[in-house]
Amino acid sequence: MKGDNPPIRTCVVCGIKEPKSEMIRFVLENGVCIDENHTKHGRGAYVCKSVKCRETRINYKRLERSLLKFAKGRNRKTG
């Protein structure tokens, strides 16, 4: 049955795979921001809830790079 398996997402920092509900979603909206309800439009990047992944400043650079890479590609196609 389709409803038995929750959507799985990959942490952009450590690469662990977790159910979407167990991850923190970030989107580009005037900079990188948290999408607490997983409802904002556009490409998102997911980070697991481990302290290591959430608190390391270097990891936010990786997150930002992940989202900006997508945004630059999208701008090239439309602009």
Protein backbone atom coordinates (compact mmCIF):
# COMPACT_ATOMS: atom_id res chain seq x y z
CA MET A 1 0.00 0.00 0.00
CA LYS A 2 1.17 3.48 -0.82
CA GLY A 3 0.44 5.03 2.60
CA ASP A 4 2.60 2.55 4.51
CA ASN A 5 5.98 4.11 3.67
CA PRO A 6 6.63 7.71 4.75
CA PRO A 7 8.67 9.93 2.40
CA ILE A 8 12.42 9.55 3.08
CA ARG A 9 14.82 12.51 2.86
CA THR A 10 18.62 12.72 3.07
CA CYS A 11 20.49 15.06 5.40
CA VAL A 12 22.69 17.38 3.29
CA VAL A 13 25.26 17.44 6.10
CA CYS A 14 25.83 13.83 7.17
CA GLY A 15 23.92 11.89 4.49
CA ILE A 16 21.70 9.93 6.87
CA LYS A 17 18.28 8.96 5.48
CA GLU A 18 15.27 9.62 7.73
CA PRO A 19 11.51 10.04 7.34
CA LYS A 20 10.60 13.56 6.21
CA SER A 21 8.79 14.20 9.51
CA GLU A 22 12.05 13.63 11.43
CA MET A 23 14.05 16.20 9.44
CA ILE A 24 14.40 19.99 9.55
CA ARG A 25 13.63 21.60 6.18
CA PHE A 26 15.36 24.76 4.96
CA VAL A 27 14.36 26.90 1.98
CA LEU A 28 15.68 30.01 0.25
CA GLU A 29 13.48 32.97 1.17
CA ASN A 30 15.51 36.17 1.54
CA GLY A 31 18.34 33.92 2.65
CA VAL A 32 18.23 30.45 4.15
CA CYS A 33 15.33 29.98 6.57
CA ILE A 34 13.67 27.10 8.40
CA ASP A 35 10.40 25.76 6.99
CA GLU A 36 8.89 24.57 10.27
CA ASN A 37 5.67 23.18 8.80
CA HIS A 38 7.19 21.82 5.57
CA THR A 39 4.70 23.96 3.62
CA LYS A 40 6.77 26.65 1.88
CA HIS A 41 7.07 26.48 -1.89
CA GLY A 42 10.27 25.78 -3.74
CA ARG A 43 13.29 23.56 -3.37
CA GLY A 44 14.16 22.55 0.15
CA ALA A 45 17.19 21.01 1.78
CA TYR A 46 16.90 18.72 4.78
CA VAL A 47 19.09 18.45 7.87
CA CYS A 48 18.68 15.74 10.51
CA LYS A 49 17.99 16.71 14.10
CA SER A 50 21.34 15.56 15.49
CA VAL A 51 23.22 18.20 17.47
CA LYS A 52 26.29 17.77 15.27
CA CYS A 53 24.42 18.58 12.08
CA ARG A 54 22.35 21.44 13.51
CA GLU A 55 25.02 23.36 15.38
CA THR A 56 28.17 23.24 13.29
CA ARG A 57 28.61 26.49 11.35
CA ILE A 58 30.45 24.70 8.55
CA ASN A 59 27.35 22.59 7.99
CA TYR A 60 25.23 25.68 7.35
CA LYS A 61 27.67 26.64 4.61
CA ARG A 62 27.04 23.23 3.05
CA LEU A 63 23.29 23.77 3.38
CA GLU A 64 23.48 27.23 1.84
CA ARG A 65 25.63 25.95 -1.02
CA SER A 66 23.11 23.18 -1.69
CA LEU A 67 20.22 25.63 -1.98
CA LEU A 68 22.15 28.30 -3.90
CA LYS A 69 23.33 25.76 -6.47
CA PHE A 70 19.69 25.04 -7.27
CA ALA A 71 18.76 28.75 -7.34
CA LYS A 72 21.57 29.63 -9.74
CA GLY A 73 20.55 26.83 -12.11
CA ARG A 74 16.94 27.98 -12.01
CA ASN A 75 17.92 31.60 -12.75
CA ARG A 76 19.97 30.52 -15.77
CA LYS A 77 16.96 28.73 -17.23
CA THR A 78 14.58 31.66 -16.69
CA GLY A 79 16.96 34.53 -17.31
